[in-house]
């Protein structure tokens, strides 16, 4: 989900080039043509994505989590589940978003835990790289559908001892 523009679907994914290199398969790439195609403003459709993480310091077991699919935002900033879906391209308007849940019931809230990825049309950052009001409403709205319960002292101790590599926690 790194390049959301429609024209990017016509190009081979970056992963394929990694596989070709790993396998020692020779290939040629016209970088100038690729850059021209990817940089042309008329070919860029406006998509944004947010990776929503848990920012609190408490450790809790997740008791309910919002399902993946299309979500809708009301004019007052409330967020509600609209329908199951597995592809972001079905989102047509800026008051709709595709939510890909990562953290599910039974998983843990801990600082930095990835809850999921939200993809929507339109910009979610200002030109000064600040989150827009709409972005903050999406984050609060999705986050409001997650609930948890405090972990026992034993579970907290076990989670705090889990492996952490390069700043990422693996649970």
C-alpha atoms as a PDB file:
ATOM      1  CA  UNK A   1       0.000   0.000   0.000  1.00  0.00           C
ATOM      2  CA  UNK A   2       2.948   2.324  -0.413  1.00  0.00           C
ATOM      3  CA  UNK A   3       2.002   3.929  -3.750  1.00  0.00           C
ATOM      4  CA  UNK A   4      -1.705   4.599  -3.920  1.00  0.00           C
ATOM      5  CA  UNK A   5      -1.864   6.277  -7.325  1.00  0.00           C
ATOM      6  CA  UNK A   6      -3.801   4.398 -10.002  1.00  0.00           C
ATOM      7  CA  UNK A   7      -1.042   4.735 -12.613  1.00  0.00           C
ATOM      8  CA  UNK A   8       1.389   2.834 -10.369  1.00  0.00           C
ATOM      9  CA  UNK A   9      -0.575  -0.358 -10.995  1.00  0.00           C
ATOM     10  CA  UNK A  10       0.773  -0.368 -14.559  1.00  0.00           C
ATOM     11  CA  UNK A  11       4.346  -0.729 -13.299  1.00  0.00           C
ATOM     12  CA  UNK A  12       5.957  -3.783 -11.801  1.00  0.00           C
ATOM     13  CA  UNK A  13       6.031  -3.608  -7.999  1.00  0.00           C
ATOM     14  CA  UNK A  14       9.328  -2.784  -6.333  1.00  0.00           C
ATOM     15  CA  UNK A  15       9.250  -6.212  -4.684  1.00  0.00           C
ATOM     16  CA  UNK A  16       9.562  -7.840  -8.104  1.00  0.00           C
ATOM     17  CA  UNK A  17      12.816  -5.991  -8.744  1.00  0.00           C
ATOM     18  CA  UNK A  18      14.157  -7.228  -5.407  1.00  0.00           C
ATOM     19  CA  UNK A  19      13.289 -10.786  -6.432  1.00  0.00           C
ATOM     20  CA  UNK A  20      14.955 -10.368  -9.822  1.00  0.00           C
ATOM     21  CA  UNK A  21      18.134  -9.067  -8.209  1.00  0.00           C
ATOM     22  CA  UNK A  22      18.131 -11.834  -5.618  1.00  0.00           C
ATOM     23  CA  UNK A  23      17.711 -14.450  -8.349  1.00  0.00           C
ATOM     24  CA  UNK A  24      20.450 -12.874 -10.461  1.00  0.00           C
ATOM     25  CA  UNK A  25      18.097 -12.257 -13.380  1.00  0.00           C
ATOM     26  CA  UNK A  26      19.330  -9.445 -15.625  1.00  0.00           C
ATOM     27  CA  UNK A  27      16.840  -6.702 -16.478  1.00  0.00           C
ATOM     28  CA  UNK A  28      16.860  -3.179 -17.835  1.00  0.00           C
ATOM     29  CA  UNK A  29      14.839  -0.297 -16.502  1.00  0.00           C
ATOM     30  CA  UNK A  30      14.256   3.046 -18.199  1.00  0.00           C
ATOM     31  CA  UNK A  31      14.558   5.231 -15.091  1.00  0.00           C
ATOM     32  CA  UNK A  32      13.923   8.479 -16.958  1.00  0.00           C
ATOM     33  CA  UNK A  33      10.644   7.180 -18.395  1.00  0.00           C
ATOM     34  CA  UNK A  34       9.589   5.846 -15.010  1.00  0.00           C
ATOM     35  CA  UNK A  35      10.380   9.126 -13.276  1.00  0.00           C
ATOM     36  CA  UNK A  36       8.502  11.077 -15.966  1.00  0.00           C
ATOM     37  CA  UNK A  37       5.448   8.880 -15.590  1.00  0.00           C
ATOM     38  CA  UNK A  38       5.487   8.999 -11.799  1.00  0.00           C
ATOM     39  CA  UNK A  39       6.163  12.734 -11.466  1.00  0.00           C
ATOM     40  CA  UNK A  40       3.555  14.061 -13.861  1.00  0.00           C
ATOM     41  CA  UNK A  41       0.986  15.970 -11.714  1.00  0.00           C
ATOM     42  CA  UNK A  42      -1.997  14.976 -13.867  1.00  0.00           C
ATOM     43  CA  UNK A  43      -1.377  11.317 -13.076  1.00  0.00           C
ATOM     44  CA  UNK A  44      -1.437  11.658  -9.343  1.00  0.00           C
ATOM     45  CA  UNK A  45      -4.736  11.023  -7.649  1.00  0.00           C
ATOM     46  CA  UNK A  46      -5.080  12.226  -4.085  1.00  0.00           C
ATOM     47  CA  UNK A  47      -4.800   9.411  -1.559  1.00  0.00           C
ATOM     48  CA  UNK A  48      -3.483   9.424   1.979  1.00  0.00           C
ATOM     49  CA  UNK A  49      -2.718   6.690   4.438  1.00  0.00           C
ATOM     50  CA  UNK A  50      -2.219   6.697   8.183  1.00  0.00           C
ATOM     51  CA  UNK A  51      -0.563   4.006  10.230  1.00  0.00           C
ATOM     52  CA  UNK A  52      -2.405   4.355  13.529  1.00  0.00           C
ATOM     53  CA  UNK A  53      -0.464   3.290  16.592  1.00  0.00           C
ATOM     54  CA  UNK A  54      -1.201   3.061  20.283  1.00  0.00           C
ATOM     55  CA  UNK A  55       0.528   6.006  21.960  1.00  0.00           C
ATOM     56  CA  UNK A  56      -0.365   5.323  25.594  1.00  0.00           C
ATOM     57  CA  UNK A  57       2.073   3.763  28.035  1.00  0.00           C
ATOM     58  CA  UNK A  58      -0.382   1.337  29.646  1.00  0.00           C
ATOM     59  CA  UNK A  59      -0.425  -2.345  28.744  1.00  0.00           C
ATOM     60  CA  UNK A  60      -3.884  -3.766  28.144  1.00  0.00           C
ATOM     61  CA  UNK A  61      -5.375  -6.782  26.422  1.00  0.00           C
ATOM     62  CA  UNK A  62      -7.601  -5.706  23.531  1.00  0.00           C
ATOM     63  CA  UNK A  63     -11.191  -6.795  24.192  1.00  0.00           C
ATOM     64  CA  UNK A  64     -12.771  -5.332  21.053  1.00  0.00           C
ATOM     65  CA  UNK A  65     -11.312  -4.056  17.784  1.00  0.00           C
ATOM     66  CA  UNK A  66     -12.892  -2.406  14.745  1.00  0.00           C
ATOM     67  CA  UNK A  67     -13.207  -4.695  11.716  1.00  0.00           C
ATOM     68  CA  UNK A  68     -11.373  -4.137   8.449  1.00  0.00           C
ATOM     69  CA  UNK A  69     -13.506  -2.566   5.770  1.00  0.00           C
ATOM     70  CA  UNK A  70     -15.011   0.728   4.694  1.00  0.00           C
ATOM     71  CA  UNK A  71     -15.751   3.286   7.388  1.00  0.00           C
ATOM     72  CA  UNK A  72     -17.695   6.536   7.124  1.00  0.00           C
ATOM     73  CA  UNK A  73     -17.203   9.857   8.898  1.00  0.00           C
ATOM     74  CA  UNK A  74     -20.179  12.058   9.724  1.00  0.00           C
ATOM     75  CA  UNK A  75     -20.053  15.858   9.516  1.00  0.00           C
ATOM     76  CA  UNK A  76     -19.439  16.075  13.278  1.00  0.00           C
ATOM     77  CA  UNK A  77     -16.365  13.827  13.025  1.00  0.00           C
ATOM     78  CA  UNK A  78     -17.928  10.591  14.283  1.00  0.00           C
ATOM     79  CA  UNK A  79     -16.743   7.395  12.619  1.00  0.00           C
ATOM     80  CA  UNK A  80     -18.900   4.326  11.964  1.00  0.00           C
ATOM     81  CA  UNK A  81     -18.417   0.997  10.219  1.00  0.00           C
ATOM     82  CA  UNK A  82     -20.148   0.893   6.853  1.00  0.00           C
ATOM     83  CA  UNK A  83     -19.343  -2.463   5.246  1.00  0.00           C
ATOM     84  CA  UNK A  84     -16.855  -5.285   4.945  1.00  0.00           C
ATOM     85  CA  UNK A  85     -14.357  -4.786   2.165  1.00  0.00           C
ATOM     86  CA  UNK A  86     -10.897  -6.003   1.259  1.00  0.00           C
ATOM     87  CA  UNK A  87      -9.772  -3.346  -1.200  1.00  0.00           C
ATOM     88  CA  UNK A  88      -9.172   0.366  -0.647  1.00  0.00           C
ATOM     89  CA  UNK A  89     -10.145   1.378  -4.193  1.00  0.00           C
ATOM     90  CA  UNK A  90     -13.826   1.066  -3.314  1.00  0.00           C
ATOM     91  CA  UNK A  91     -13.492   4.287  -1.280  1.00  0.00           C
ATOM     92  CA  UNK A  92     -14.892   7.043  -3.488  1.00  0.00           C
ATOM     93  CA  UNK A  93     -15.269  10.090  -1.214  1.00  0.00           C
ATOM     94  CA  UNK A  94     -13.164  11.860   1.401  1.00  0.00           C
ATOM     95  CA  UNK A  95     -15.672  11.070   4.155  1.00  0.00           C
ATOM     96  CA  UNK A  96     -15.044   7.344   3.616  1.00  0.00           C
ATOM     97  CA  UNK A  97     -11.912   5.354   4.397  1.00  0.00           C
ATOM     98  CA  UNK A  98     -10.606   1.823   4.141  1.00  0.00           C
ATOM     99  CA  UNK A  99      -9.414   0.449   7.484  1.00  0.00           C
ATOM    100  CA  UNK A 100      -7.009  -2.511   7.529  1.00  0.00           C
ATOM    101  CA  UNK A 101      -6.976  -3.806  11.091  1.00  0.00           C
ATOM    102  CA  UNK A 102      -3.677  -5.088  12.447  1.00  0.00           C
ATOM    103  CA  UNK A 103      -4.342  -5.326  16.205  1.00  0.00           C
ATOM    104  CA  UNK A 104      -7.235  -7.642  16.972  1.00  0.00           C
ATOM    105  CA  UNK A 105      -9.101  -8.888  20.029  1.00  0.00           C
ATOM    106  CA  UNK A 106      -6.704 -10.772  22.274  1.00  0.00           C
ATOM    107  CA  UNK A 107      -3.697  -8.716  21.150  1.00  0.00           C
ATOM    108  CA  UNK A 108      -2.093  -6.106  23.376  1.00  0.00           C
ATOM    109  CA  UNK A 109      -2.055  -2.339  23.648  1.00  0.00           C
ATOM    110  CA  UNK A 110       1.472  -1.160  24.416  1.00  0.00           C
ATOM    111  CA  UNK A 111       3.314   1.990  23.427  1.00  0.00           C
ATOM    112  CA  UNK A 112       3.951   1.810  19.696  1.00  0.00           C
ATOM    113  CA  UNK A 113       1.609  -1.108  18.942  1.00  0.00           C
ATOM    114  CA  UNK A 114       0.261  -0.806  15.413  1.00  0.00           C
ATOM    115  CA  UNK A 115      -3.522  -0.797  15.442  1.00  0.00           C
ATOM    116  CA  UNK A 116      -4.003  -0.628  11.687  1.00  0.00           C
ATOM    117  CA  UNK A 117      -3.748   1.345   8.469  1.00  0.00           C
ATOM    118  CA  UNK A 118      -6.325   3.858   7.281  1.00  0.00           C
ATOM    119  CA  UNK A 119      -6.472   4.787   3.583  1.00  0.00           C
ATOM    120  CA  UNK A 120      -8.683   7.580   2.270  1.00  0.00           C
ATOM    121  CA  UNK A 121      -8.998   9.989  -0.614  1.00  0.00           C
ATOM    122  CA  UNK A 122      -7.698  13.510  -0.119  1.00  0.00           C
ATOM    123  CA  UNK A 123      -4.883  14.933   1.932  1.00  0.00           C
ATOM    124  CA  UNK A 124      -4.465  14.247   5.644  1.00  0.00           C
ATOM    125  CA  UNK A 125      -1.474  16.549   6.123  1.00  0.00           C
ATOM    126  CA  UNK A 126      -1.013  20.261   5.616  1.00  0.00           C
ATOM    127  CA  UNK A 127       1.762  21.715   3.482  1.00  0.00           C
ATOM    128  CA  UNK A 128       3.659  22.176   6.771  1.00  0.00           C
ATOM    129  CA  UNK A 129       3.432  18.422   7.450  1.00  0.00           C
ATOM    130  CA  UNK A 130       0.864  18.693  10.239  1.00  0.00           C
ATOM    131  CA  UNK A 131      -2.148  16.430  10.559  1.00  0.00           C
ATOM    132  CA  UNK A 132      -5.387  18.012   9.376  1.00  0.00           C
ATOM    133  CA  UNK A 133      -8.521  18.162  11.542  1.00  0.00           C
ATOM    134  CA  UNK A 134      -9.946  15.371   9.364  1.00  0.00           C
ATOM    135  CA  UNK A 135      -6.903  13.164  10.050  1.00  0.00           C
ATOM    136  CA  UNK A 136      -7.235  13.732  13.794  1.00  0.00           C
ATOM    137  CA  UNK A 137     -10.957  12.920  13.608  1.00  0.00           C
ATOM    138  CA  UNK A 138     -10.214   9.671  11.753  1.00  0.00           C
ATOM    139  CA  UNK A 139      -7.617   8.684  14.346  1.00  0.00           C
ATOM    140  CA  UNK A 140      -9.921   9.468  17.280  1.00  0.00           C
ATOM    141  CA  UNK A 141     -12.867   7.801  15.542  1.00  0.00           C
ATOM    142  CA  UNK A 142     -11.096   4.533  14.788  1.00  0.00           C
ATOM    143  CA  UNK A 143      -9.392   4.541  18.183  1.00  0.00           C
ATOM    144  CA  UNK A 144     -12.804   4.915  19.891  1.00  0.00           C
ATOM    145  CA  UNK A 145     -13.767   1.479  18.557  1.00  0.00           C
ATOM    146  CA  UNK A 146     -10.856  -0.205  20.361  1.00  0.00           C
ATOM    147  CA  UNK A 147     -11.377  -1.270  23.963  1.00  0.00           C
ATOM    148  CA  UNK A 148      -9.125  -3.054  26.400  1.00  0.00           C
ATOM    149  CA  UNK A 149      -8.748  -4.303  29.916  1.00  0.00           C
ATOM    150  CA  UNK A 150      -5.810  -3.904  32.253  1.00  0.00           C
ATOM    151  CA  UNK A 151      -3.236  -6.655  32.124  1.00  0.00           C
ATOM    152  CA  UNK A 152      -2.284  -8.564  35.247  1.00  0.00           C
ATOM    153  CA  UNK A 153       1.063  -7.771  36.846  1.00  0.00           C
ATOM    154  CA  UNK A 154       2.403 -11.094  35.569  1.00  0.00           C
ATOM    155  CA  UNK A 155       1.249 -10.449  31.986  1.00  0.00           C
ATOM    156  CA  UNK A 156       2.644  -6.902  32.096  1.00  0.00           C
ATOM    157  CA  UNK A 157       6.037  -8.208  33.218  1.00  0.00           C
ATOM    158  CA  UNK A 158       6.058 -10.834  30.448  1.00  0.00           C
ATOM    159  CA  UNK A 159       5.129  -8.298  27.778  1.00  0.00           C
ATOM    160  CA  UNK A 160       7.775  -5.841  28.959  1.00  0.00           C
ATOM    161  CA  UNK A 161      10.384  -8.606  28.546  1.00  0.00           C
ATOM    162  CA  UNK A 162       9.432  -9.407  24.948  1.00  0.00           C
ATOM    163  CA  UNK A 163      12.099  -8.936  22.319  1.00  0.00           C
ATOM    164  CA  UNK A 164      12.603  -5.421  21.048  1.00  0.00           C
ATOM    165  CA  UNK A 165      14.704  -5.028  17.919  1.00  0.00           C
ATOM    166  CA  UNK A 166      15.602  -1.636  16.470  1.00  0.00           C
ATOM    167  CA  UNK A 167      12.801   0.021  18.380  1.00  0.00           C
ATOM    168  CA  UNK A 168      10.109  -2.451  17.283  1.00  0.00           C
ATOM    169  CA  UNK A 169       8.313  -4.685  19.755  1.00  0.00           C
ATOM    170  CA  UNK A 170       7.326  -8.158  18.666  1.00  0.00           C
ATOM    171  CA  UNK A 171       4.341  -9.668  20.466  1.00  0.00           C
END
